[in-house]
PDB file of N, CA and C in Angstrom:
ATOM      1  N   MET A   1      27.367  28.832 -20.459  1.00  0.00           N
ATOM      2  CA  MET A   1      26.087  28.346 -21.004  1.00  0.00           C
ATOM      3  C   MET A   1      26.233  26.874 -19.847  1.00  0.00           C
ATOM      4  N   ARG A   2      24.868  27.081 -19.146  1.00  0.00           N
ATOM      5  CA  ARG A   2      24.739  26.180 -18.077  1.00  0.00           C
ATOM      6  C   ARG A   2      23.733  24.638 -18.271  1.00  0.00           C
ATOM      7  N   LEU A   3      24.518  23.653 -18.463  1.00  0.00           N
ATOM      8  CA  LEU A   3      23.668  22.794 -19.000  1.00  0.00           C
ATOM      9  C   LEU A   3      22.786  21.745 -17.946  1.00  0.00           C
ATOM     10  N   PHE A   4      23.588  21.894 -16.767  1.00  0.00           N
ATOM     11  CA  PHE A   4      23.044  21.190 -15.556  1.00  0.00           C
ATOM     12  C   PHE A   4      22.474  21.687 -14.288  1.00  0.00           C
ATOM     13  N   ARG A   5      22.170  23.072 -14.839  1.00  0.00           N
ATOM     14  CA  ARG A   5      21.488  24.048 -13.769  1.00  0.00           C
ATOM     15  C   ARG A   5      20.298  23.514 -13.118  1.00  0.00           C
ATOM     16  N   ARG A   6      20.119  23.395 -11.746  1.00  0.00           N
ATOM     17  CA  ARG A   6      18.965  23.033 -10.988  1.00  0.00           C
ATOM     18  C   ARG A   6      18.113  24.576 -10.783  1.00  0.00           C
ATOM     19  N   ARG A   7      17.136  24.361 -11.321  1.00  0.00           N
ATOM     20  CA  ARG A   7      16.140  25.623 -10.798  1.00  0.00           C
ATOM     21  C   ARG A   7      14.905  25.384 -10.281  1.00  0.00           C
ATOM     22  N   ASN A   8      14.595  26.441  -9.458  1.00  0.00           N
ATOM     23  CA  ASN A   8      13.426  26.237  -8.751  1.00  0.00           C
ATOM     24  C   ASN A   8      12.191  26.795  -9.629  1.00  0.00           C
ATOM     25  N   ARG A   9      11.481  26.065 -10.226  1.00  0.00           N
ATOM     26  CA  ARG A   9      10.390  26.364 -10.969  1.00  0.00           C
ATOM     27  C   ARG A   9       9.357  27.703 -10.064  1.00  0.00           C
ATOM     28  N   ASN A  10       9.124  27.104  -8.898  1.00  0.00           N
ATOM     29  CA  ASN A  10       8.334  28.042  -8.145  1.00  0.00           C
ATOM     30  C   ASN A  10       9.109  28.657  -6.763  1.00  0.00           C
ATOM     31  N   PRO A  11       9.509  29.722  -7.016  1.00  0.00           N
ATOM     32  CA  PRO A  11      10.457  30.280  -6.131  1.00  0.00           C
ATOM     33  C   PRO A  11       9.497  30.722  -4.603  1.00  0.00           C
ATOM     34  N   SER A  12       8.320  30.713  -4.671  1.00  0.00           N
ATOM     35  CA  SER A  12       7.711  30.989  -3.392  1.00  0.00           C
ATOM     36  C   SER A  12       7.357  29.694  -2.471  1.00  0.00           C
ATOM     37  N   ALA A  13       7.367  28.686  -3.450  1.00  0.00           N
ATOM     38  CA  ALA A  13       7.264  27.256  -2.559  1.00  0.00           C
ATOM     39  C   ALA A  13       8.273  26.854  -1.543  1.00  0.00           C
ATOM     40  N   GLU A  14       7.811  26.537  -0.266  1.00  0.00           N
ATOM     41  CA  GLU A  14       8.680  26.369   0.704  1.00  0.00           C
ATOM     42  C   GLU A  14       9.247  25.042   0.441  1.00  0.00           C
ATOM     43  N   PRO A  15      10.403  24.522   0.763  1.00  0.00           N
ATOM     44  CA  PRO A  15      10.884  23.248   0.584  1.00  0.00           C
ATOM     45  C   PRO A  15      10.039  21.999   1.386  1.00  0.00           C
ATOM     46  N   THR A  16       9.883  21.161   1.154  1.00  0.00           N
ATOM     47  CA  THR A  16       9.318  19.973   1.865  1.00  0.00           C
ATOM     48  C   THR A  16      10.062  19.103   2.431  1.00  0.00           C
ATOM     49  N   ARG A  17      11.198  19.050   1.973  1.00  0.00           N
ATOM     50  CA  ARG A  17      11.892  17.666   2.403  1.00  0.00           C
ATOM     51  C   ARG A  17      12.688  18.184   3.824  1.00  0.00           C
ATOM     52  N   THR A  18      13.009  19.117   4.049  1.00  0.00           N
ATOM     53  CA  THR A  18      13.441  19.213   5.577  1.00  0.00           C
ATOM     54  C   THR A  18      12.873  20.541   5.901  1.00  0.00           C
ATOM     55  N   GLY A  19      11.729  21.209   5.553  1.00  0.00           N
ATOM     56  CA  GLY A  19      10.912  22.087   5.928  1.00  0.00           C
ATOM     57  C   GLY A  19      10.326  22.105   7.527  1.00  0.00           C
ATOM     58  N   ARG A  20      10.598  23.036   8.188  1.00  0.00           N
ATOM     59  CA  ARG A  20      10.512  23.242   9.663  1.00  0.00           C
ATOM     60  C   ARG A  20       8.604  22.929   9.974  1.00  0.00           C
ATOM     61  N   ARG A  21       8.032  23.183   8.875  1.00  0.00           N
ATOM     62  CA  ARG A  21       6.370  22.668   8.924  1.00  0.00           C
ATOM     63  C   ARG A  21       6.528  21.364   8.620  1.00  0.00           C
ATOM     64  N   GLU A  22       6.991  20.296   8.214  1.00  0.00           N
ATOM     65  CA  GLU A  22       6.921  19.109   7.675  1.00  0.00           C
ATOM     66  C   GLU A  22       7.293  18.453   8.837  1.00  0.00           C
ATOM     67  N   ILE A  23       8.281  18.882   9.864  1.00  0.00           N
ATOM     68  CA  ILE A  23       8.707  18.415  10.802  1.00  0.00           C
ATOM     69  C   ILE A  23       7.471  18.434  11.891  1.00  0.00           C
ATOM     70  N   ALA A  24       7.208  19.708  12.013  1.00  0.00           N
ATOM     71  CA  ALA A  24       6.076  19.977  13.036  1.00  0.00           C
ATOM     72  C   ALA A  24       4.892  19.331  12.967  1.00  0.00           C
ATOM     73  N   GLU A  25       4.709  19.023  11.613  1.00  0.00           N
ATOM     74  CA  GLU A  25       3.446  18.337  11.129  1.00  0.00           C
ATOM     75  C   GLU A  25       3.480  16.451  11.449  1.00  0.00           C
ATOM     76  N   GLY A  26       5.099  16.289  11.456  1.00  0.00           N
ATOM     77  CA  GLY A  26       5.049  14.821  11.592  1.00  0.00           C
ATOM     78  C   GLY A  26       5.274  14.675  13.203  1.00  0.00           C
ATOM     79  N   GLU A  27       5.970  15.815  13.729  1.00  0.00           N
ATOM     80  CA  GLU A  27       5.789  15.580  15.370  1.00  0.00           C
ATOM     81  C   GLU A  27       4.155  15.328  15.926  1.00  0.00           C
ATOM     82  N   ARG A  28       3.470  16.133  15.467  1.00  0.00           N
ATOM     83  CA  ARG A  28       1.924  16.289  15.826  1.00  0.00           C
ATOM     84  C   ARG A  28       1.259  14.901  15.477  1.00  0.00           C
ATOM     85  N   HIS A  29       1.931  14.356  14.461  1.00  0.00           N
ATOM     86  CA  HIS A  29       1.101  13.383  13.753  1.00  0.00           C
ATOM     87  C   HIS A  29       1.460  12.192  15.038  1.00  0.00           C
ATOM     88  N   LEU A  30       3.098  12.106  15.322  1.00  0.00           N
ATOM     89  CA  LEU A  30       3.368  10.972  16.140  1.00  0.00           C
ATOM     90  C   LEU A  30       2.902  11.085  17.438  1.00  0.00           C
ATOM     91  N   GLU A  31       2.497  12.216  17.876  1.00  0.00           N
ATOM     92  CA  GLU A  31       1.684  12.486  19.291  1.00  0.00           C
ATOM     93  C   GLU A  31       0.673  12.244  19.485  1.00  0.00           C
ATOM     94  N   GLU A  32      -0.141  12.351  18.193  1.00  0.00           N
ATOM     95  CA  GLU A  32      -1.730  11.723  18.327  1.00  0.00           C
ATOM     96  C   GLU A  32      -1.518  10.231  18.041  1.00  0.00           C
ATOM     97  N   PHE A  33      -0.669   9.547  17.362  1.00  0.00           N
ATOM     98  CA  PHE A  33      -0.460   8.224  17.143  1.00  0.00           C
ATOM     99  C   PHE A  33      -0.389   7.505  18.616  1.00  0.00           C
ATOM    100  N   ALA A  34       0.707   8.133  19.296  1.00  0.00           N
ATOM    101  CA  ALA A  34       1.100   7.636  20.715  1.00  0.00           C
ATOM    102  C   ALA A  34      -0.247   7.794  21.757  1.00  0.00           C
ATOM    103  N   ALA A  35      -0.842   8.972  21.432  1.00  0.00           N
ATOM    104  CA  ALA A  35      -1.828   9.437  22.596  1.00  0.00           C
ATOM    105  C   ALA A  35      -3.048   8.106  22.390  1.00  0.00           C
ATOM    106  N   SER A  36      -3.272   7.945  21.216  1.00  0.00           N
ATOM    107  CA  SER A  36      -4.574   6.927  20.745  1.00  0.00           C
ATOM    108  C   SER A  36      -4.335   5.437  20.827  1.00  0.00           C
ATOM    109  N   ARG A  37      -2.962   5.235  20.860  1.00  0.00           N
ATOM    110  CA  ARG A  37      -2.971   3.670  20.713  1.00  0.00           C
ATOM    111  C   ARG A  37      -2.022   3.041  22.155  1.00  0.00           C
ATOM    112  N   ARG A  38      -2.372   1.769  22.536  1.00  0.00           N
ATOM    113  CA  ARG A  38      -1.580   1.305  23.356  1.00  0.00           C
ATOM    114  C   ARG A  38      -0.714   0.644  23.242  1.00  0.00           C
ATOM    115  N   GLY A  39       0.561   0.790  24.445  1.00  0.00           N
ATOM    116  CA  GLY A  39       2.016  -0.242  24.220  1.00  0.00           C
ATOM    117  C   GLY A  39       2.925   0.469  23.183  1.00  0.00           C
ATOM    118  N   VAL A  40       2.866   2.099  22.834  1.00  0.00           N
ATOM    119  CA  VAL A  40       3.655   2.271  21.971  1.00  0.00           C
ATOM    120  C   VAL A  40       5.136   2.605  22.268  1.00  0.00           C
ATOM    121  N   GLU A  41       5.870   1.984  21.224  1.00  0.00           N
ATOM    122  CA  GLU A  41       7.298   2.160  21.493  1.00  0.00           C
ATOM    123  C   GLU A  41       7.806   2.736  20.111  1.00  0.00           C
ATOM    124  N   ALA A  42       8.971   3.666  20.644  1.00  0.00           N
ATOM    125  CA  ALA A  42       9.620   4.350  19.257  1.00  0.00           C
ATOM    126  C   ALA A  42      11.035   3.463  18.829  1.00  0.00           C
ATOM    127  N   TYR A  43      11.213   3.794  17.460  1.00  0.00           N
ATOM    128  CA  TYR A  43      12.247   3.017  16.989  1.00  0.00           C
ATOM    129  C   TYR A  43      13.095   3.837  16.155  1.00  0.00           C
ATOM    130  N   VAL A  44      14.376   4.804  16.496  1.00  0.00           N
ATOM    131  CA  VAL A  44      15.048   5.533  15.779  1.00  0.00           C
ATOM    132  C   VAL A  44      15.630   4.844  14.878  1.00  0.00           C
ATOM    133  N   GLU A  45      15.547   5.422  13.278  1.00  0.00           N
ATOM    134  CA  GLU A  45      16.177   4.906  12.374  1.00  0.00           C
ATOM    135  C   GLU A  45      17.301   5.901  11.707  1.00  0.00           C
ATOM    136  N   PRO A  46      18.357   5.679  11.608  1.00  0.00           N
ATOM    137  CA  PRO A  46      19.538   6.426  11.331  1.00  0.00           C
ATOM    138  C   PRO A  46      19.358   7.381   9.835  1.00  0.00           C
ATOM    139  N   ALA A  47      19.840   8.171   9.729  1.00  0.00           N
ATOM    140  CA  ALA A  47      20.232   8.689   8.150  1.00  0.00           C
ATOM    141  C   ALA A  47      21.038   7.775   7.822  1.00  0.00           C
ATOM    142  N   THR A  48      20.467   7.666   6.372  1.00  0.00           N
ATOM    143  CA  THR A  48      21.286   7.304   5.231  1.00  0.00           C
ATOM    144  C   THR A  48      21.474   8.187   4.032  1.00  0.00           C
ATOM    145  N   ALA A  49      22.380   7.456   3.110  1.00  0.00           N
ATOM    146  CA  ALA A  49      22.574   8.725   1.782  1.00  0.00           C
ATOM    147  C   ALA A  49      21.365   9.000   1.032  1.00  0.00           C
ATOM    148  N   VAL A  50      20.051   8.200   0.984  1.00  0.00           N
ATOM    149  CA  VAL A  50      19.151   8.868   0.789  1.00  0.00           C
ATOM    150  C   VAL A  50      17.867   9.073   1.603  1.00  0.00           C
ATOM    151  N   THR A  51      17.928   8.800   2.958  1.00  0.00           N
ATOM    152  CA  THR A  51      16.844   9.220   3.819  1.00  0.00           C
ATOM    153  C   THR A  51      17.366  10.175   4.918  1.00  0.00           C
ATOM    154  N   ALA A  52      16.613  10.887   5.413  1.00  0.00           N
ATOM    155  CA  ALA A  52      16.684  11.438   6.681  1.00  0.00           C
ATOM    156  C   ALA A  52      16.671  10.419   7.814  1.00  0.00           C
ATOM    157  N   THR A  53      16.921  11.134   9.179  1.00  0.00           N
ATOM    158  CA  THR A  53      16.740  10.339  10.348  1.00  0.00           C
ATOM    159  C   THR A  53      15.244  10.270  10.503  1.00  0.00           C
ATOM    160  N   THR A  54      14.634   9.119  10.946  1.00  0.00           N
ATOM    161  CA  THR A  54      13.195   8.721  11.134  1.00  0.00           C
ATOM    162  C   THR A  54      12.991   8.336  12.334  1.00  0.00           C
ATOM    163  N   VAL A  55      11.573   8.473  12.854  1.00  0.00           N
ATOM    164  CA  VAL A  55      11.524   7.709  13.998  1.00  0.00           C
ATOM    165  C   VAL A  55      10.139   6.862  13.686  1.00  0.00           C
ATOM    166  N   MET A  56      10.118   5.775  14.078  1.00  0.00           N
ATOM    167  CA  MET A  56       9.031   4.818  13.892  1.00  0.00           C
ATOM    168  C   MET A  56       8.339   4.530  15.170  1.00  0.00           C
ATOM    169  N   LEU A  57       7.016   4.828  15.182  1.00  0.00           N
ATOM    170  CA  LEU A  57       6.159   4.061  16.268  1.00  0.00           C
ATOM    171  C   LEU A  57       5.501   2.951  16.256  1.00  0.00           C
ATOM    172  N   ILE A  58       5.511   2.186  16.996  1.00  0.00           N
ATOM    173  CA  ILE A  58       4.743   0.748  16.726  1.00  0.00           C
ATOM    174  C   ILE A  58       4.056   0.551  17.971  1.00  0.00           C
ATOM    175  N   ALA A  59       2.948   0.318  17.564  1.00  0.00           N
ATOM    176  CA  ALA A  59       1.835  -0.206  18.739  1.00  0.00           C
ATOM    177  C   ALA A  59       2.079  -1.490  19.295  1.00  0.00           C
ATOM    178  N   SER A  60       1.011  -1.505  20.266  1.00  0.00           N
ATOM    179  CA  SER A  60       1.097  -2.880  21.054  1.00  0.00           C
ATOM    180  C   SER A  60       0.664  -4.195  19.543  1.00  0.00           C
ATOM    181  N   ASP A  61      -0.449  -3.825  18.779  1.00  0.00           N
ATOM    182  CA  ASP A  61      -1.105  -4.435  18.007  1.00  0.00           C
ATOM    183  C   ASP A  61      -0.117  -4.638  16.587  1.00  0.00           C
ATOM    184  N   GLY A  62       1.061  -3.969  16.425  1.00  0.00           N
ATOM    185  CA  GLY A  62       2.032  -4.032  15.502  1.00  0.00           C
ATOM    186  C   GLY A  62       1.513  -2.853  14.352  1.00  0.00           C
ATOM    187  N   GLU A  63       0.486  -2.301  15.041  1.00  0.00           N
ATOM    188  CA  GLU A  63       0.403  -0.916  13.671  1.00  0.00           C
ATOM    189  C   GLU A  63       1.653   0.067  13.823  1.00  0.00           C
ATOM    190  N   TRP A  64       1.903   0.697  13.021  1.00  0.00           N
ATOM    191  CA  TRP A  64       3.191   1.598  12.909  1.00  0.00           C
ATOM    192  C   TRP A  64       2.926   2.797  12.043  1.00  0.00           C
ATOM    193  N   THR A  65       3.780   3.943  12.344  1.00  0.00           N
ATOM    194  CA  THR A  65       3.863   4.931  11.677  1.00  0.00           C
ATOM    195  C   THR A  65       5.324   5.339  11.640  1.00  0.00           C
ATOM    196  N   ARG A  66       5.641   6.457  10.558  1.00  0.00           N
ATOM    197  CA  ARG A  66       6.929   6.641  10.508  1.00  0.00           C
ATOM    198  C   ARG A  66       6.865   8.233   9.750  1.00  0.00           C
ATOM    199  N   ARG A  67       7.838   8.861  10.639  1.00  0.00           N
ATOM    200  CA  ARG A  67       8.105  10.323  10.238  1.00  0.00           C
ATOM    201  C   ARG A  67       9.413  10.571  10.481  1.00  0.00           C
ATOM    202  N   ARG A  68       9.670  11.909   9.587  1.00  0.00           N
ATOM    203  CA  ARG A  68      11.193  12.145   9.488  1.00  0.00           C
ATOM    204  C   ARG A  68      11.067  13.144  10.734  1.00  0.00           C
ATOM    205  N   VAL A  69      12.620  13.053  11.349  1.00  0.00           N
ATOM    206  CA  VAL A  69      12.943  14.059  12.626  1.00  0.00           C
ATOM    207  C   VAL A  69      14.329  14.479  12.356  1.00  0.00           C
ATOM    208  N   PRO A  70      14.531  15.591  12.912  1.00  0.00           N
ATOM    209  CA  PRO A  70      15.708  16.368  12.449  1.00  0.00           C
ATOM    210  C   PRO A  70      17.179  15.739  13.076  1.00  0.00           C
ATOM    211  N   SER A  71      17.139  14.726  14.311  1.00  0.00           N
ATOM    212  CA  SER A  71      18.121  14.129  14.561  1.00  0.00           C
ATOM    213  C   SER A  71      17.984  13.106  15.469  1.00  0.00           C
ATOM    214  N   PRO A  72      18.500  12.113  15.876  1.00  0.00           N
ATOM    215  CA  PRO A  72      18.649  11.068  16.629  1.00  0.00           C
ATOM    216  C   PRO A  72      18.240  11.720  18.459  1.00  0.00           C
ATOM    217  N   ASP A  73      18.960  12.733  18.373  1.00  0.00           N
ATOM    218  CA  ASP A  73      18.443  13.497  19.611  1.00  0.00           C
ATOM    219  C   ASP A  73      16.831  13.813  19.693  1.00  0.00           C
ATOM    220  N   ALA A  74      16.559  14.656  18.677  1.00  0.00           N
ATOM    221  CA  ALA A  74      15.446  14.956  18.513  1.00  0.00           C
ATOM    222  C   ALA A  74      14.326  13.538  18.662  1.00  0.00           C
ATOM    223  N   ALA A  75      14.643  12.381  18.376  1.00  0.00           N
ATOM    224  CA  ALA A  75      13.983  11.509  18.191  1.00  0.00           C
ATOM    225  C   ALA A  75      13.948  11.063  20.169  1.00  0.00           C
ATOM    226  N   ARG A  76      15.026  11.085  20.265  1.00  0.00           N
ATOM    227  CA  ARG A  76      14.894  10.936  22.319  1.00  0.00           C
ATOM    228  C   ARG A  76      14.397  11.818  22.866  1.00  0.00           C
ATOM    229  N   ALA A  77      14.315  12.854  22.272  1.00  0.00           N
ATOM    230  CA  ALA A  77      13.414  13.863  23.045  1.00  0.00           C
ATOM    231  C   ALA A  77      11.852  13.636  22.993  1.00  0.00           C
ATOM    232  N   LEU A  78      11.507  13.296  21.816  1.00  0.00           N
ATOM    233  CA  LEU A  78      10.212  13.218  21.550  1.00  0.00           C
ATOM    234  C   LEU A  78       9.515  12.124  22.386  1.00  0.00           C
ATOM    235  N   ALA A  79      10.349  11.051  22.321  1.00  0.00           N
ATOM    236  CA  ALA A  79      10.223   9.937  23.149  1.00  0.00           C
ATOM    237  C   ALA A  79      10.025   9.838  24.799  1.00  0.00           C
ATOM    238  N   GLY A  80      11.096  10.843  25.098  1.00  0.00           N
ATOM    239  CA  GLY A  80      10.887  11.421  26.603  1.00  0.00           C
ATOM    240  C   GLY A  80       9.743  12.113  26.866  1.00  0.00           C
ATOM    241  N   ARG A  81       9.123  13.076  26.148  1.00  0.00           N
ATOM    242  CA  ARG A  81       7.974  13.567  26.204  1.00  0.00           C
ATOM    243  C   ARG A  81       6.826  12.980  26.074  1.00  0.00           C
ATOM    244  N   LEU A  82       6.867  11.913  25.288  1.00  0.00           N
ATOM    245  CA  LEU A  82       5.872  11.029  25.293  1.00  0.00           C
ATOM    246  C   LEU A  82       5.789  10.221  26.142  1.00  0.00           C
ATOM    247  N   GLY A  83       6.790   9.775  26.905  1.00  0.00           N
ATOM    248  CA  GLY A  83       6.934   8.749  27.916  1.00  0.00           C
ATOM    249  C   GLY A  83       6.969   7.378  27.502  1.00  0.00           C
ATOM    250  N   ILE A  84       7.154   7.165  26.608  1.00  0.00           N
ATOM    251  CA  ILE A  84       7.865   5.947  25.833  1.00  0.00           C
ATOM    252  C   ILE A  84       8.955   5.227  25.276  1.00  0.00           C
ATOM    253  N   PRO A  85       9.109   4.121  25.547  1.00  0.00           N
ATOM    254  CA  PRO A  85      10.942   3.771  25.474  1.00  0.00           C
ATOM    255  C   PRO A  85      11.117   3.905  23.772  1.00  0.00           C
ATOM    256  N   LEU A  86      12.635   4.171  23.948  1.00  0.00           N
ATOM    257  CA  LEU A  86      13.201   4.585  22.520  1.00  0.00           C
ATOM    258  C   LEU A  86      14.377   3.385  22.030  1.00  0.00           C
ATOM    259  N   TYR A  87      14.107   2.829  21.011  1.00  0.00           N
ATOM    260  CA  TYR A  87      15.077   1.785  20.747  1.00  0.00           C
ATOM    261  C   TYR A  87      15.921   2.273  19.315  1.00  0.00           C
ATOM    262  N   GLU A  88      17.145   1.818  19.135  1.00  0.00           N
ATOM    263  CA  GLU A  88      17.775   1.871  17.792  1.00  0.00           C
ATOM    264  C   GLU A  88      17.544   0.936  16.894  1.00  0.00           C
ATOM    265  N   ALA A  89      16.730   0.937  15.771  1.00  0.00           N
ATOM    266  CA  ALA A  89      16.389   0.219  14.791  1.00  0.00           C
ATOM    267  C   ALA A  89      17.251  -0.721  14.354  1.00  0.00           C
ATOM    268  N   ALA A  90      18.704   0.065  13.932  1.00  0.00           N
ATOM    269  CA  ALA A  90      19.743  -0.538  13.506  1.00  0.00           C
ATOM    270  C   ALA A  90      20.446  -1.625  14.393  1.00  0.00           C
ATOM    271  N   VAL A  91      20.012  -1.416  15.482  1.00  0.00           N
ATOM    272  CA  VAL A  91      20.704  -2.522  16.719  1.00  0.00           C
ATOM    273  C   VAL A  91      19.897  -3.524  17.391  1.00  0.00           C
ATOM    274  N   VAL A  92      18.558  -3.460  17.422  1.00  0.00           N
ATOM    275  CA  VAL A  92      17.559  -4.072  18.016  1.00  0.00           C
ATOM    276  C   VAL A  92      16.840  -4.890  16.948  1.00  0.00           C
ATOM    277  N   GLY A  93      16.461  -4.017  15.725  1.00  0.00           N
ATOM    278  CA  GLY A  93      15.686  -4.522  14.565  1.00  0.00           C
ATOM    279  C   GLY A  93      14.105  -4.199  15.258  1.00  0.00           C
ATOM    280  N   TYR A  94      13.055  -4.785  14.142  1.00  0.00           N
ATOM    281  CA  TYR A  94      11.777  -4.553  14.510  1.00  0.00           C
ATOM    282  C   TYR A  94      11.070  -5.350  15.251  1.00  0.00           C
ATOM    283  N   PRO A  95      10.029  -5.307  16.143  1.00  0.00           N
ATOM    284  CA  PRO A  95       9.379  -6.255  16.560  1.00  0.00           C
ATOM    285  C   PRO A  95       8.584  -7.189  15.801  1.00  0.00           C
ATOM    286  N   GLN A  96       8.209  -8.511  16.111  1.00  0.00           N
ATOM    287  CA  GLN A  96       7.616  -9.643  15.238  1.00  0.00           C
ATOM    288  C   GLN A  96       6.353  -8.672  15.178  1.00  0.00           C
ATOM    289  N   ARG A  97       5.600  -8.306  16.287  1.00  0.00           N
ATOM    290  CA  ARG A  97       4.335  -7.792  15.734  1.00  0.00           C
ATOM    291  C   ARG A  97       3.972  -6.991  14.799  1.00  0.00           C
ATOM    292  N   MET A  98       4.859  -6.063  14.443  1.00  0.00           N
ATOM    293  CA  MET A  98       4.673  -5.291  13.356  1.00  0.00           C
ATOM    294  C   MET A  98       4.918  -6.074  11.800  1.00  0.00           C
ATOM    295  N   ARG A  99       5.848  -7.083  11.696  1.00  0.00           N
ATOM    296  CA  ARG A  99       5.621  -7.748  10.415  1.00  0.00           C
ATOM    297  C   ARG A  99       4.599  -8.758  10.357  1.00  0.00           C
ATOM    298  N   GLU A 100       3.877  -8.878  11.797  1.00  0.00           N
ATOM    299  CA  GLU A 100       2.421  -9.881  11.598  1.00  0.00           C
ATOM    300  C   GLU A 100       1.454  -8.722  11.299  1.00  0.00           C
ATOM    301  N   TRP A 101       1.255  -7.584  11.620  1.00  0.00           N
ATOM    302  CA  TRP A 101       0.441  -6.613  11.321  1.00  0.00           C
ATOM    303  C   TRP A 101       0.829  -6.118   9.785  1.00  0.00           C
ATOM    304  N   ASN A 102       1.875  -6.100   9.214  1.00  0.00           N
ATOM    305  CA  ASN A 102       2.058  -5.768   7.882  1.00  0.00           C
ATOM    306  C   ASN A 102       1.559  -6.848   7.132  1.00  0.00           C
ATOM    307  N   ARG A 103       1.587  -8.254   7.442  1.00  0.00           N
ATOM    308  CA  ARG A 103       1.058  -9.361   6.736  1.00  0.00           C
ATOM    309  C   ARG A 103      -0.001  -9.550   6.720  1.00  0.00           C
ATOM    310  N   ARG A 104      -0.646  -9.230   7.995  1.00  0.00           N
ATOM    311  CA  ARG A 104      -2.430  -9.154   7.748  1.00  0.00           C
ATOM    312  C   ARG A 104      -2.892  -8.098   7.189  1.00  0.00           C
ATOM    313  N   ARG A 105      -2.484  -6.927   7.162  1.00  0.00           N
ATOM    314  CA  ARG A 105      -2.838  -5.838   6.012  1.00  0.00           C
ATOM    315  C   ARG A 105      -2.627  -6.337   4.569  1.00  0.00           C
ATOM    316  N   ALA A 106      -1.570  -6.903   4.263  1.00  0.00           N
ATOM    317  CA  ALA A 106      -1.619  -7.404   2.862  1.00  0.00           C
ATOM    318  C   ALA A 106      -2.295  -8.434   2.707  1.00  0.00           C
ATOM    319  N   GLN A 107      -2.750  -9.335   3.434  1.00  0.00           N
ATOM    320  CA  GLN A 107      -3.892 -10.207   3.341  1.00  0.00           C
ATOM    321  C   GLN A 107      -5.254  -9.647   3.005  1.00  0.00           C
ATOM    322  N   GLU A 108      -5.649  -8.678   3.813  1.00  0.00           N
ATOM    323  CA  GLU A 108      -6.836  -8.011   3.731  1.00  0.00           C
ATOM    324  C   GLU A 108      -6.899  -7.201   2.562  1.00  0.00           C
ATOM    325  N   ARG A 109      -5.820  -6.785   2.026  1.00  0.00           N
ATOM    326  CA  ARG A 109      -5.664  -6.255   0.684  1.00  0.00           C
ATOM    327  C   ARG A 109      -6.100  -7.239  -0.541  1.00  0.00           C
ATOM    328  N   LYS A 110      -5.439  -8.357  -0.583  1.00  0.00           N
ATOM    329  CA  LYS A 110      -5.295  -9.511  -1.385  1.00  0.00           C
ATOM    330  C   LYS A 110      -6.894  -9.902  -0.904  1.00  0.00           C
ATOM    331  N   ASP A 111      -7.706 -10.544  -0.064  1.00  0.00           N
ATOM    332  CA  ASP A 111      -8.844 -10.630   0.080  1.00  0.00           C
ATOM    333  C   ASP A 111     -10.009  -9.926  -0.639  1.00  0.00           C
ATOM    334  N   LEU A 112      -9.722  -8.509  -0.318  1.00  0.00           N
ATOM    335  CA  LEU A 112     -10.677  -7.453  -1.083  1.00  0.00           C
ATOM    336  C   LEU A 112     -10.599  -7.496  -2.255  1.00  0.00           C
ATOM    337  N   LEU A 113      -9.665  -7.526  -2.963  1.00  0.00           N
ATOM    338  CA  LEU A 113      -9.099  -7.932  -4.378  1.00  0.00           C
ATOM    339  C   LEU A 113      -9.826  -8.870  -5.019  1.00  0.00           C
ATOM    340  N   GLY A 114      -9.776  -9.898  -4.393  1.00  0.00           N
ATOM    341  CA  GLY A 114     -10.263 -10.943  -4.669  1.00  0.00           C
ATOM    342  C   GLY A 114      -8.989 -11.993  -5.331  1.00  0.00           C
ATOM    343  N   ASP A 115      -7.688 -11.620  -5.361  1.00  0.00           N
ATOM    344  CA  ASP A 115      -6.845 -12.361  -5.808  1.00  0.00           C
ATOM    345  C   ASP A 115      -6.595 -13.811  -4.934  1.00  0.00           C
TER     346      ASP A 115
END
């Protein structure tokens, strides 16, 4: 008797957590983000027990986006192709402009809701 058996309820569904399609779509998104914004820098975030390796792109105004990448080497290759600098987030942290952008967005949402 199997009490704790994991079963895929939809065997035809492609897994999305580490699927190649998700990685490719994420790369396209990052390429479009970098091409459409000024002063973009990349920050690679190491894998943890609960998250995969990710890369965060941060524009000069602080707007940011994050997507999963297969490895830190893949993040370096992506930054090289895009011609943008790459930093290790665990070493240098995130720029102040990103925190300011997050703060402005939170205030805009608060103002919109009338709180």
